[in-house]
Amino acid sequence: MKKNDTFKVTASTEEPQTAEDWQMAADAAEGWLKIKSAVDYGLVKLNLQLNVERCEQLLQSAAERGITPHTDALERLVAELQHQVRTAIE
């Protein structure tokens, strides 16, 4: 990918079904919110359009099921994004 290329990420509009799906959704939502905070504070330069309400809804629904994001949710998200980029350029 070149410097100004766009890497688009979209989320499923379907609700997670299994506990594993809810954990993945909670981790992703938490990770994206942390990235958004870094962008908002000027720590990261990124053209990010994030549905914050959806992330917050996912976190709330996961919590109602007793599921909280892993402490390394951001790291998990970054690793998944790196995998996706590698796969896209191969």
N, C-alpha and C. Protein backbone atom coordinates (compact mmCIF):
# COMPACT_ATOMS: atom_id res chain seq x y z
N MET A 1 0.84 -1.17 0.00
CA MET A 1 0.00 0.00 0.00
C MET A 1 0.88 1.24 0.00
N LYS A 2 0.43 2.25 -0.69
CA LYS A 2 1.14 3.52 -0.72
C LYS A 2 0.66 4.41 0.41
N LYS A 3 1.40 5.47 0.66
CA LYS A 3 1.12 6.36 1.79
C LYS A 3 -0.31 6.88 1.81
N ASN A 4 -0.84 7.28 0.68
CA ASN A 4 -2.18 7.89 0.66
C ASN A 4 -3.29 6.92 0.30
N ASP A 5 -2.97 5.64 0.19
CA ASP A 5 -4.01 4.66 -0.09
C ASP A 5 -4.98 4.58 1.08
N THR A 6 -6.18 4.20 0.77
CA THR A 6 -7.21 4.04 1.79
C THR A 6 -7.42 2.57 2.05
N PHE A 7 -7.47 2.22 3.30
CA PHE A 7 -7.79 0.85 3.71
C PHE A 7 -9.12 0.93 4.41
N LYS A 8 -10.14 0.39 3.79
CA LYS A 8 -11.50 0.51 4.32
C LYS A 8 -11.86 -0.73 5.14
N VAL A 9 -12.40 -0.48 6.29
CA VAL A 9 -12.86 -1.55 7.17
C VAL A 9 -14.33 -1.35 7.41
N THR A 10 -15.10 -2.38 7.19
CA THR A 10 -16.53 -2.30 7.48
C THR A 10 -16.90 -3.40 8.48
N ALA A 11 -17.86 -3.12 9.27
CA ALA A 11 -18.31 -4.08 10.27
C ALA A 11 -19.63 -4.69 9.86
N SER A 12 -19.83 -5.88 10.29
CA SER A 12 -21.10 -6.55 10.04
C SER A 12 -22.21 -5.84 10.79
N THR A 13 -23.37 -5.77 10.17
CA THR A 13 -24.51 -5.18 10.85
C THR A 13 -25.29 -6.23 11.65
N GLU A 14 -24.88 -7.49 11.50
CA GLU A 14 -25.55 -8.56 12.25
C GLU A 14 -25.03 -8.59 13.68
N GLU A 15 -25.91 -8.91 14.60
CA GLU A 15 -25.52 -9.03 15.99
C GLU A 15 -24.68 -10.29 16.17
N PRO A 16 -23.66 -10.23 17.01
CA PRO A 16 -22.89 -11.44 17.32
C PRO A 16 -23.83 -12.50 17.91
N GLN A 17 -23.51 -13.76 17.66
CA GLN A 17 -24.38 -14.84 18.13
C GLN A 17 -23.78 -15.62 19.29
N THR A 18 -22.51 -15.98 19.16
CA THR A 18 -21.88 -16.83 20.17
C THR A 18 -21.08 -15.97 21.15
N ALA A 19 -20.69 -16.56 22.26
CA ALA A 19 -19.84 -15.86 23.22
C ALA A 19 -18.52 -15.45 22.56
N GLU A 20 -17.99 -16.29 21.70
CA GLU A 20 -16.75 -15.97 20.99
C GLU A 20 -16.96 -14.76 20.07
N ASP A 21 -18.10 -14.74 19.37
CA ASP A 21 -18.42 -13.59 18.51
C ASP A 21 -18.54 -12.31 19.33
N TRP A 22 -19.19 -12.39 20.49
CA TRP A 22 -19.35 -11.22 21.34
C TRP A 22 -18.00 -10.74 21.86
N GLN A 23 -17.11 -11.68 22.19
CA GLN A 23 -15.78 -11.29 22.66
C GLN A 23 -15.02 -10.57 21.56
N MET A 24 -15.08 -11.11 20.35
CA MET A 24 -14.40 -10.47 19.22
C MET A 24 -14.99 -9.08 18.94
N ALA A 25 -16.30 -8.96 19.02
CA ALA A 25 -16.96 -7.67 18.78
C ALA A 25 -16.57 -6.66 19.86
N ALA A 26 -16.55 -7.10 21.12
CA ALA A 26 -16.17 -6.20 22.22
C ALA A 26 -14.72 -5.75 22.07
N ASP A 27 -13.85 -6.68 21.73
CA ASP A 27 -12.44 -6.33 21.54
C ASP A 27 -12.27 -5.34 20.38
N ALA A 28 -12.95 -5.59 19.28
CA ALA A 28 -12.85 -4.70 18.12
C ALA A 28 -13.39 -3.31 18.45
N ALA A 29 -14.55 -3.27 19.09
CA ALA A 29 -15.15 -1.98 19.44
C ALA A 29 -14.23 -1.19 20.37
N GLU A 30 -13.68 -1.86 21.36
CA GLU A 30 -12.77 -1.20 22.29
C GLU A 30 -11.51 -0.70 21.57
N GLY A 31 -10.97 -1.54 20.70
CA GLY A 31 -9.79 -1.15 19.94
C GLY A 31 -10.03 0.05 19.06
N TRP A 32 -11.16 0.04 18.34
CA TRP A 32 -11.48 1.18 17.46
C TRP A 32 -11.70 2.46 18.26
N LEU A 33 -12.34 2.36 19.41
CA LEU A 33 -12.54 3.55 20.23
C LEU A 33 -11.21 4.11 20.73
N LYS A 34 -10.26 3.22 21.04
CA LYS A 34 -8.93 3.68 21.46
C LYS A 34 -8.21 4.36 20.30
N ILE A 35 -8.33 3.80 19.11
CA ILE A 35 -7.72 4.43 17.94
C ILE A 35 -8.35 5.80 17.70
N LYS A 36 -9.67 5.87 17.81
CA LYS A 36 -10.37 7.15 17.62
C LYS A 36 -9.87 8.18 18.63
N SER A 37 -9.68 7.79 19.86
CA SER A 37 -9.17 8.70 20.88
C SER A 37 -7.78 9.22 20.50
N ALA A 38 -6.95 8.33 20.00
CA ALA A 38 -5.60 8.73 19.58
C ALA A 38 -5.67 9.73 18.42
N VAL A 39 -6.59 9.50 17.49
CA VAL A 39 -6.79 10.43 16.38
C VAL A 39 -7.29 11.77 16.90
N ASP A 40 -8.28 11.73 17.78
CA ASP A 40 -8.87 12.96 18.33
C ASP A 40 -7.83 13.81 19.07
N TYR A 41 -6.90 13.14 19.75
CA TYR A 41 -5.87 13.86 20.50
C TYR A 41 -4.67 14.24 19.63
N GLY A 42 -4.72 13.88 18.35
CA GLY A 42 -3.64 14.23 17.44
C GLY A 42 -2.42 13.33 17.55
N LEU A 43 -2.56 12.20 18.22
CA LEU A 43 -1.44 11.28 18.37
C LEU A 43 -1.23 10.43 17.12
N VAL A 44 -2.30 10.24 16.37
CA VAL A 44 -2.26 9.44 15.15
C VAL A 44 -2.94 10.24 14.05
N LYS A 45 -2.32 10.26 12.89
CA LYS A 45 -2.92 10.96 11.76
C LYS A 45 -3.61 9.90 10.90
N LEU A 46 -4.92 9.98 10.86
CA LEU A 46 -5.71 8.96 10.18
C LEU A 46 -7.06 9.55 9.82
N ASN A 47 -7.50 9.29 8.61
CA ASN A 47 -8.84 9.70 8.21
C ASN A 47 -9.79 8.59 8.65
N LEU A 48 -10.35 8.75 9.82
CA LEU A 48 -11.16 7.69 10.43
C LEU A 48 -12.61 8.14 10.57
N GLN A 49 -13.49 7.38 10.00
CA GLN A 49 -14.92 7.60 10.19
C GLN A 49 -15.44 6.40 10.97
N LEU A 50 -15.74 6.61 12.20
CA LEU A 50 -16.11 5.52 13.10
C LEU A 50 -17.51 5.75 13.65
N ASN A 51 -18.31 4.71 13.65
CA ASN A 51 -19.64 4.78 14.24
C ASN A 51 -19.47 4.53 15.75
N VAL A 52 -19.22 5.59 16.47
CA VAL A 52 -18.96 5.51 17.91
C VAL A 52 -20.17 4.92 18.63
N GLU A 53 -21.36 5.32 18.24
CA GLU A 53 -22.57 4.79 18.89
C GLU A 53 -22.66 3.28 18.75
N ARG A 54 -22.33 2.77 17.58
CA ARG A 54 -22.36 1.32 17.36
C ARG A 54 -21.34 0.62 18.25
N CYS A 55 -20.14 1.18 18.34
CA CYS A 55 -19.12 0.61 19.21
C CYS A 55 -19.60 0.57 20.66
N GLU A 56 -20.17 1.69 21.10
CA GLU A 56 -20.67 1.75 22.47
C GLU A 56 -21.82 0.78 22.70
N GLN A 57 -22.70 0.62 21.70
CA GLN A 57 -23.80 -0.34 21.81
C GLN A 57 -23.27 -1.76 21.94
N LEU A 58 -22.27 -2.09 21.12
CA LEU A 58 -21.68 -3.43 21.18
C LEU A 58 -21.05 -3.68 22.55
N LEU A 59 -20.35 -2.70 23.06
CA LEU A 59 -19.73 -2.86 24.38
C LEU A 59 -20.78 -3.04 25.47
N GLN A 60 -21.86 -2.27 25.40
CA GLN A 60 -22.93 -2.37 26.39
C GLN A 60 -23.62 -3.74 26.30
N SER A 61 -23.93 -4.17 25.09
CA SER A 61 -24.59 -5.47 24.91
C SER A 61 -23.69 -6.62 25.36
N ALA A 62 -22.40 -6.50 25.06
CA ALA A 62 -21.46 -7.53 25.50
C ALA A 62 -21.40 -7.57 27.04
N ALA A 63 -21.35 -6.39 27.66
CA ALA A 63 -21.30 -6.32 29.12
C ALA A 63 -22.54 -6.95 29.75
N GLU A 64 -23.68 -6.76 29.12
CA GLU A 64 -24.92 -7.37 29.62
C GLU A 64 -24.85 -8.89 29.57
N ARG A 65 -23.96 -9.42 28.75
CA ARG A 65 -23.76 -10.87 28.64
C ARG A 65 -22.56 -11.32 29.45
N GLY A 66 -21.99 -10.38 30.24
CA GLY A 66 -20.85 -10.71 31.08
C GLY A 66 -19.53 -10.72 30.34
N ILE A 67 -19.49 -10.10 29.17
CA ILE A 67 -18.28 -10.09 28.35
C ILE A 67 -17.69 -8.69 28.33
N THR A 68 -16.42 -8.61 28.67
CA THR A 68 -15.69 -7.34 28.63
C THR A 68 -14.51 -7.48 27.68
N PRO A 69 -14.07 -6.36 27.12
CA PRO A 69 -12.93 -6.44 26.21
C PRO A 69 -11.67 -6.94 26.94
N HIS A 70 -10.85 -7.67 26.21
CA HIS A 70 -9.55 -8.07 26.75
C HIS A 70 -8.72 -6.81 26.99
N THR A 71 -7.79 -6.88 27.92
CA THR A 71 -6.94 -5.72 28.20
C THR A 71 -6.05 -5.38 27.00
N ASP A 72 -5.80 -6.35 26.14
CA ASP A 72 -4.99 -6.12 24.95
C ASP A 72 -5.84 -6.02 23.68
N ALA A 73 -7.06 -5.48 23.84
CA ALA A 73 -7.99 -5.39 22.70
C ALA A 73 -7.38 -4.60 21.55
N LEU A 74 -6.70 -3.52 21.85
CA LEU A 74 -6.09 -2.70 20.80
C LEU A 74 -5.03 -3.50 20.05
N GLU A 75 -4.19 -4.19 20.79
CA GLU A 75 -3.15 -5.00 20.16
C GLU A 75 -3.74 -6.10 19.28
N ARG A 76 -4.82 -6.71 19.74
CA ARG A 76 -5.50 -7.74 18.95
C ARG A 76 -6.05 -7.14 17.65
N LEU A 77 -6.64 -5.96 17.74
CA LEU A 77 -7.18 -5.30 16.56
C LEU A 77 -6.07 -4.97 15.58
N VAL A 78 -4.98 -4.42 16.07
CA VAL A 78 -3.85 -4.06 15.19
C VAL A 78 -3.29 -5.31 14.51
N ALA A 79 -3.17 -6.38 15.24
CA ALA A 79 -2.67 -7.63 14.64
C ALA A 79 -3.61 -8.12 13.54
N GLU A 80 -4.90 -8.03 13.78
CA GLU A 80 -5.87 -8.45 12.76
C GLU A 80 -5.80 -7.54 11.54
N LEU A 81 -5.66 -6.24 11.75
CA LEU A 81 -5.54 -5.31 10.63
C LEU A 81 -4.27 -5.58 9.83
N GLN A 82 -3.17 -5.87 10.52
CA GLN A 82 -1.93 -6.20 9.81
C GLN A 82 -2.12 -7.44 8.95
N HIS A 83 -2.79 -8.43 9.50
CA HIS A 83 -3.08 -9.65 8.74
C HIS A 83 -3.92 -9.34 7.51
N GLN A 84 -4.94 -8.51 7.69
CA GLN A 84 -5.83 -8.15 6.57
C GLN A 84 -5.06 -7.42 5.47
N VAL A 85 -4.17 -6.50 5.86
CA VAL A 85 -3.39 -5.75 4.88
C VAL A 85 -2.46 -6.70 4.12
N ARG A 86 -1.77 -7.58 4.85
CA ARG A 86 -0.88 -8.53 4.19
C ARG A 86 -1.65 -9.40 3.20
N THR A 87 -2.82 -9.84 3.60
CA THR A 87 -3.64 -10.68 2.72
C THR A 87 -4.10 -9.90 1.50
N ALA A 88 -4.42 -8.63 1.68
CA ALA A 88 -4.92 -7.80 0.57
C ALA A 88 -3.86 -7.52 -0.47
N ILE A 89 -2.60 -7.43 -0.04
CA ILE A 89 -1.55 -7.09 -1.00
C ILE A 89 -0.85 -8.30 -1.58
N GLU A 90 -1.17 -9.48 -1.12
CA GLU A 90 -0.56 -10.70 -1.66
C GLU A 90 -1.24 -11.13 -2.93
